[in-house]
Amino acid sequence: ARIWSFHDEVFQKMTMRAIITCVWDGLLMPAYLVNLLFNVVEVAALLSWGLTPSTGGFLPWELWSEHDQELSTVPQHAPFCWSVLLAAVIRDFVNLLWWFCMYCYKWLHRPSF
């Protein structure tokens, strides 16, 4: 991490470095790894669903011929992919909503000069 030169005195102390290491190892690293795992699962769901071949073209399933329906390889894990992607959309929506609420709170409670 980058620090300003006038903060060198604070961050050179062993206690501050120990606090930062403890917070990173105890709190932030597990949260970072869980977030990374969720992102990998989301990308895997997108790839497995997006790379599944089909012979029916862009027409809806009901308009495919019976021959195309027999040859198609509609993914059997599509409900799982929907669940993963819906969870990702809900997570992103909640994060954006939280950010917007905190932005509005900060704007409404700013000091008046």
N, C-alpha and C. Protein backbone atom coordinates (compact mmCIF):
# COMPACT_ATOMS: atom_id res chain seq x y z
N ALA A 1 0.83 -1.18 0.00
CA ALA A 1 0.00 0.00 0.00
C ALA A 1 0.88 1.24 0.00
N ARG A 2 0.37 2.29 -0.56
CA ARG A 2 1.12 3.54 -0.63
C ARG A 2 0.71 4.42 0.55
N ILE A 3 1.71 5.00 1.18
CA ILE A 3 1.47 5.96 2.26
C ILE A 3 2.26 7.23 1.96
N TRP A 4 1.79 8.32 2.48
CA TRP A 4 2.48 9.59 2.30
C TRP A 4 3.71 9.63 3.20
N SER A 5 4.68 10.39 2.80
CA SER A 5 5.95 10.42 3.55
C SER A 5 5.76 10.97 4.96
N PHE A 6 4.81 11.86 5.16
CA PHE A 6 4.61 12.40 6.51
C PHE A 6 3.92 11.39 7.43
N HIS A 7 3.42 10.27 6.90
CA HIS A 7 2.84 9.21 7.72
C HIS A 7 3.85 8.11 8.03
N ASP A 8 5.08 8.24 7.55
CA ASP A 8 6.10 7.21 7.78
C ASP A 8 6.31 6.94 9.26
N GLU A 9 6.27 8.00 10.04
CA GLU A 9 6.52 7.87 11.48
C GLU A 9 5.49 6.95 12.13
N VAL A 10 4.24 7.05 11.72
CA VAL A 10 3.17 6.23 12.30
C VAL A 10 3.30 4.78 11.87
N PHE A 11 3.52 4.56 10.57
CA PHE A 11 3.51 3.20 10.05
C PHE A 11 4.82 2.46 10.25
N GLN A 12 5.86 3.13 10.73
CA GLN A 12 7.11 2.45 11.03
C GLN A 12 7.08 1.79 12.41
N LYS A 13 6.10 2.16 13.22
CA LYS A 13 6.00 1.57 14.55
C LYS A 13 5.52 0.12 14.42
N MET A 14 6.06 -0.73 15.25
CA MET A 14 5.74 -2.15 15.20
C MET A 14 4.29 -2.41 15.58
N THR A 15 3.73 -1.63 16.51
CA THR A 15 2.35 -1.87 16.92
C THR A 15 1.37 -1.62 15.77
N MET A 16 1.60 -0.58 14.99
CA MET A 16 0.71 -0.28 13.87
C MET A 16 0.82 -1.36 12.81
N ARG A 17 2.02 -1.83 12.53
CA ARG A 17 2.19 -2.89 11.55
C ARG A 17 1.54 -4.19 12.03
N ALA A 18 1.61 -4.44 13.33
CA ALA A 18 0.98 -5.64 13.89
C ALA A 18 -0.55 -5.55 13.80
N ILE A 19 -1.10 -4.37 14.05
CA ILE A 19 -2.55 -4.19 13.95
C ILE A 19 -3.02 -4.41 12.52
N ILE A 20 -2.30 -3.84 11.57
CA ILE A 20 -2.67 -4.00 10.16
C ILE A 20 -2.58 -5.46 9.74
N THR A 21 -1.53 -6.14 10.14
CA THR A 21 -1.38 -7.56 9.79
C THR A 21 -2.47 -8.41 10.43
N CYS A 22 -2.80 -8.12 11.67
CA CYS A 22 -3.83 -8.88 12.37
C CYS A 22 -5.20 -8.67 11.73
N VAL A 23 -5.52 -7.44 11.40
CA VAL A 23 -6.81 -7.14 10.76
C VAL A 23 -6.88 -7.80 9.39
N TRP A 24 -5.80 -7.74 8.62
CA TRP A 24 -5.81 -8.36 7.30
C TRP A 24 -5.96 -9.87 7.40
N ASP A 25 -5.14 -10.50 8.25
CA ASP A 25 -5.17 -11.96 8.35
C ASP A 25 -6.45 -12.47 9.00
N GLY A 26 -6.97 -11.76 9.98
CA GLY A 26 -8.12 -12.24 10.73
C GLY A 26 -9.47 -11.89 10.13
N LEU A 27 -9.59 -10.73 9.49
CA LEU A 27 -10.89 -10.28 9.00
C LEU A 27 -10.98 -10.15 7.49
N LEU A 28 -10.02 -9.47 6.91
CA LEU A 28 -10.14 -9.13 5.50
C LEU A 28 -9.79 -10.27 4.56
N MET A 29 -8.79 -11.06 4.89
CA MET A 29 -8.39 -12.14 3.99
C MET A 29 -9.49 -13.19 3.81
N PRO A 30 -10.16 -13.66 4.88
CA PRO A 30 -11.27 -14.61 4.66
C PRO A 30 -12.41 -14.01 3.84
N ALA A 31 -12.75 -12.75 4.08
CA ALA A 31 -13.81 -12.11 3.30
C ALA A 31 -13.39 -11.97 1.84
N TYR A 32 -12.14 -11.66 1.61
CA TYR A 32 -11.63 -11.55 0.25
C TYR A 32 -11.68 -12.90 -0.46
N LEU A 33 -11.30 -13.97 0.23
CA LEU A 33 -11.32 -15.30 -0.38
C LEU A 33 -12.75 -15.78 -0.67
N VAL A 34 -13.69 -15.48 0.20
CA VAL A 34 -15.09 -15.84 -0.05
C VAL A 34 -15.63 -15.07 -1.25
N ASN A 35 -15.32 -13.79 -1.34
CA ASN A 35 -15.73 -12.98 -2.49
C ASN A 35 -15.11 -13.52 -3.77
N LEU A 36 -13.85 -13.91 -3.72
CA LEU A 36 -13.18 -14.49 -4.88
C LEU A 36 -13.84 -15.80 -5.29
N LEU A 37 -14.20 -16.63 -4.32
CA LEU A 37 -14.87 -17.90 -4.60
C LEU A 37 -16.22 -17.65 -5.28
N PHE A 38 -17.01 -16.70 -4.77
CA PHE A 38 -18.30 -16.38 -5.37
C PHE A 38 -18.13 -15.90 -6.81
N ASN A 39 -17.11 -15.07 -7.06
CA ASN A 39 -16.88 -14.59 -8.42
C ASN A 39 -16.46 -15.73 -9.36
N VAL A 40 -15.67 -16.66 -8.87
CA VAL A 40 -15.27 -17.81 -9.70
C VAL A 40 -16.48 -18.68 -10.03
N VAL A 41 -17.36 -18.92 -9.05
CA VAL A 41 -18.57 -19.71 -9.30
C VAL A 41 -19.48 -18.99 -10.30
N GLU A 42 -19.58 -17.67 -10.18
CA GLU A 42 -20.41 -16.91 -11.12
C GLU A 42 -19.86 -16.99 -12.54
N VAL A 43 -18.56 -16.85 -12.69
CA VAL A 43 -17.95 -16.96 -14.02
C VAL A 43 -18.09 -18.37 -14.56
N ALA A 44 -17.94 -19.39 -13.71
CA ALA A 44 -18.11 -20.77 -14.17
C ALA A 44 -19.53 -21.02 -14.65
N ALA A 45 -20.52 -20.48 -13.94
CA ALA A 45 -21.91 -20.64 -14.36
C ALA A 45 -22.16 -19.93 -15.69
N LEU A 46 -21.62 -18.75 -15.85
CA LEU A 46 -21.77 -18.03 -17.12
C LEU A 46 -21.11 -18.78 -18.27
N LEU A 47 -19.91 -19.29 -18.03
CA LEU A 47 -19.20 -20.01 -19.09
C LEU A 47 -19.89 -21.32 -19.44
N SER A 48 -20.30 -22.08 -18.44
CA SER A 48 -20.91 -23.37 -18.73
C SER A 48 -22.24 -23.21 -19.44
N TRP A 49 -22.96 -22.17 -19.09
CA TRP A 49 -24.26 -21.94 -19.73
C TRP A 49 -24.07 -21.32 -21.11
N GLY A 50 -23.15 -20.38 -21.21
CA GLY A 50 -22.94 -19.68 -22.46
C GLY A 50 -22.26 -20.51 -23.53
N LEU A 51 -21.45 -21.47 -23.14
CA LEU A 51 -20.73 -22.29 -24.10
C LEU A 51 -21.44 -23.59 -24.44
N THR A 52 -22.65 -23.78 -23.93
CA THR A 52 -23.41 -24.99 -24.25
C THR A 52 -23.94 -24.86 -25.67
N PRO A 53 -23.58 -25.77 -26.56
CA PRO A 53 -24.04 -25.64 -27.95
C PRO A 53 -25.50 -26.06 -28.10
N SER A 54 -26.14 -25.49 -29.08
CA SER A 54 -27.49 -25.90 -29.43
C SER A 54 -27.62 -25.78 -30.94
N THR A 55 -28.54 -26.52 -31.49
CA THR A 55 -28.70 -26.50 -32.94
C THR A 55 -29.93 -25.72 -33.37
N GLY A 56 -30.64 -25.14 -32.42
CA GLY A 56 -31.90 -24.50 -32.76
C GLY A 56 -31.82 -23.06 -33.16
N GLY A 57 -30.66 -22.48 -33.13
CA GLY A 57 -30.54 -21.08 -33.51
C GLY A 57 -31.09 -20.17 -32.42
N PHE A 58 -31.61 -19.03 -32.84
CA PHE A 58 -32.09 -18.03 -31.89
C PHE A 58 -33.59 -18.08 -31.66
N LEU A 59 -34.25 -19.07 -32.22
CA LEU A 59 -35.70 -19.18 -32.06
C LEU A 59 -36.03 -19.72 -30.67
N PRO A 60 -37.19 -19.35 -30.12
CA PRO A 60 -37.61 -19.93 -28.85
C PRO A 60 -37.80 -21.44 -28.97
N TRP A 61 -37.69 -22.13 -27.84
CA TRP A 61 -37.77 -23.60 -27.78
C TRP A 61 -39.04 -24.13 -28.44
N GLU A 62 -40.16 -23.44 -28.27
CA GLU A 62 -41.43 -23.91 -28.82
C GLU A 62 -41.44 -23.89 -30.34
N LEU A 63 -40.65 -23.04 -30.97
CA LEU A 63 -40.64 -22.92 -32.43
C LEU A 63 -39.61 -23.84 -33.10
N TRP A 64 -38.81 -24.56 -32.29
CA TRP A 64 -37.83 -25.47 -32.86
C TRP A 64 -38.57 -26.67 -33.46
N SER A 65 -38.00 -27.24 -34.47
CA SER A 65 -38.57 -28.47 -35.02
C SER A 65 -38.26 -29.62 -34.06
N GLU A 66 -39.01 -30.70 -34.19
CA GLU A 66 -38.78 -31.85 -33.30
C GLU A 66 -37.39 -32.41 -33.50
N HIS A 67 -36.91 -32.37 -34.73
CA HIS A 67 -35.56 -32.87 -35.00
C HIS A 67 -34.52 -32.03 -34.25
N ASP A 68 -34.67 -30.70 -34.29
CA ASP A 68 -33.75 -29.82 -33.58
C ASP A 68 -33.84 -30.02 -32.07
N GLN A 69 -35.03 -30.24 -31.56
CA GLN A 69 -35.18 -30.48 -30.12
C GLN A 69 -34.49 -31.76 -29.70
N GLU A 70 -34.52 -32.79 -30.55
CA GLU A 70 -33.85 -34.04 -30.23
C GLU A 70 -32.34 -33.88 -30.27
N LEU A 71 -31.84 -33.04 -31.18
CA LEU A 71 -30.39 -32.86 -31.32
C LEU A 71 -29.81 -31.85 -30.34
N SER A 72 -30.64 -31.02 -29.78
CA SER A 72 -30.12 -29.94 -28.94
C SER A 72 -29.58 -30.48 -27.63
N THR A 73 -28.70 -29.74 -27.08
CA THR A 73 -28.11 -30.09 -25.79
C THR A 73 -28.40 -28.97 -24.81
N VAL A 74 -29.65 -28.79 -24.50
CA VAL A 74 -30.03 -27.79 -23.51
C VAL A 74 -29.43 -28.20 -22.19
N PRO A 75 -28.73 -27.31 -21.52
CA PRO A 75 -28.03 -27.72 -20.30
C PRO A 75 -29.00 -28.19 -19.23
N GLN A 76 -28.68 -29.31 -18.62
CA GLN A 76 -29.49 -29.85 -17.54
C GLN A 76 -29.28 -29.05 -16.25
N HIS A 77 -28.19 -28.33 -16.19
CA HIS A 77 -27.87 -27.54 -15.00
C HIS A 77 -28.33 -26.08 -15.13
N ALA A 78 -29.24 -25.81 -16.07
CA ALA A 78 -29.71 -24.43 -16.27
C ALA A 78 -30.36 -23.84 -15.01
N PRO A 79 -31.18 -24.59 -14.24
CA PRO A 79 -31.73 -23.99 -13.01
C PRO A 79 -30.64 -23.58 -12.02
N PHE A 80 -29.58 -24.36 -11.92
CA PHE A 80 -28.47 -23.98 -11.04
C PHE A 80 -27.82 -22.71 -11.54
N CYS A 81 -27.62 -22.60 -12.85
CA CYS A 81 -27.02 -21.38 -13.41
C CYS A 81 -27.91 -20.17 -13.14
N TRP A 82 -29.24 -20.34 -13.31
CA TRP A 82 -30.16 -19.26 -13.01
C TRP A 82 -30.03 -18.83 -11.55
N SER A 83 -29.92 -19.80 -10.65
CA SER A 83 -29.81 -19.49 -9.22
C SER A 83 -28.54 -18.70 -8.93
N VAL A 84 -27.43 -19.13 -9.50
CA VAL A 84 -26.16 -18.45 -9.27
C VAL A 84 -26.21 -17.03 -9.83
N LEU A 85 -26.73 -16.90 -11.04
CA LEU A 85 -26.76 -15.58 -11.66
C LEU A 85 -27.75 -14.65 -10.97
N LEU A 86 -28.88 -15.18 -10.52
CA LEU A 86 -29.84 -14.36 -9.78
C LEU A 86 -29.24 -13.90 -8.45
N ALA A 87 -28.52 -14.79 -7.79
CA ALA A 87 -27.86 -14.40 -6.54
C ALA A 87 -26.84 -13.30 -6.78
N ALA A 88 -26.11 -13.38 -7.89
CA ALA A 88 -25.13 -12.33 -8.21
C ALA A 88 -25.82 -11.00 -8.50
N VAL A 89 -26.94 -11.05 -9.22
CA VAL A 89 -27.67 -9.82 -9.51
C VAL A 89 -28.23 -9.21 -8.23
N ILE A 90 -28.78 -10.04 -7.36
CA ILE A 90 -29.30 -9.53 -6.08
C ILE A 90 -28.18 -8.93 -5.25
N ARG A 91 -27.02 -9.59 -5.21
CA ARG A 91 -25.87 -9.06 -4.47
C ARG A 91 -25.46 -7.70 -5.00
N ASP A 92 -25.35 -7.58 -6.33
CA ASP A 92 -24.97 -6.31 -6.91
C ASP A 92 -26.02 -5.23 -6.67
N PHE A 93 -27.30 -5.60 -6.74
CA PHE A 93 -28.37 -4.64 -6.48
C PHE A 93 -28.32 -4.14 -5.04
N VAL A 94 -28.11 -5.05 -4.09
CA VAL A 94 -28.02 -4.64 -2.68
C VAL A 94 -26.81 -3.74 -2.45
N ASN A 95 -25.68 -4.07 -3.08
CA ASN A 95 -24.50 -3.22 -2.93
C ASN A 95 -24.73 -1.83 -3.50
N LEU A 96 -25.36 -1.75 -4.67
CA LEU A 96 -25.65 -0.43 -5.25
C LEU A 96 -26.66 0.35 -4.41
N LEU A 97 -27.68 -0.34 -3.90
CA LEU A 97 -28.68 0.31 -3.05
C LEU A 97 -28.03 0.83 -1.77
N TRP A 98 -27.16 0.02 -1.18
CA TRP A 98 -26.46 0.45 0.04
C TRP A 98 -25.58 1.65 -0.25
N TRP A 99 -24.86 1.62 -1.36
CA TRP A 99 -24.02 2.75 -1.72
C TRP A 99 -24.87 4.00 -1.91
N PHE A 100 -25.98 3.90 -2.62
CA PHE A 100 -26.84 5.05 -2.88
C PHE A 100 -27.42 5.61 -1.59
N CYS A 101 -27.86 4.73 -0.68
CA CYS A 101 -28.41 5.20 0.60
C CYS A 101 -27.36 5.94 1.42
N MET A 102 -26.15 5.40 1.46
CA MET A 102 -25.09 6.06 2.22
C MET A 102 -24.67 7.38 1.56
N TYR A 103 -24.70 7.43 0.25
CA TYR A 103 -24.39 8.67 -0.46
C TYR A 103 -25.44 9.73 -0.14
N CYS A 104 -26.71 9.35 -0.18
CA CYS A 104 -27.78 10.29 0.16
C CYS A 104 -27.69 10.73 1.62
N TYR A 105 -27.39 9.79 2.51
CA TYR A 105 -27.25 10.12 3.93
C TYR A 105 -26.12 11.13 4.12
N LYS A 106 -25.00 10.88 3.46
CA LYS A 106 -23.87 11.79 3.57
C LYS A 106 -24.22 13.17 3.01
N TRP A 107 -24.94 13.19 1.89
CA TRP A 107 -25.31 14.45 1.27
C TRP A 107 -26.31 15.22 2.13
N LEU A 108 -27.28 14.53 2.74
CA LEU A 108 -28.30 15.20 3.54
C LEU A 108 -27.77 15.68 4.89
N HIS A 109 -26.76 15.01 5.41
CA HIS A 109 -26.22 15.37 6.72
C HIS A 109 -24.87 16.08 6.63
N ARG A 110 -24.63 16.73 5.53
CA ARG A 110 -23.37 17.48 5.38
C ARG A 110 -23.45 18.72 6.24
N PRO A 111 -22.31 19.19 6.69
CA PRO A 111 -22.34 20.41 7.50
C PRO A 111 -22.67 21.63 6.64
N SER A 112 -23.46 22.51 7.20
CA SER A 112 -23.80 23.74 6.46
C SER A 112 -22.82 24.83 6.90
N PHE A 113 -22.35 25.59 5.94
CA PHE A 113 -21.35 26.63 6.22
C PHE A 113 -21.99 27.98 6.26
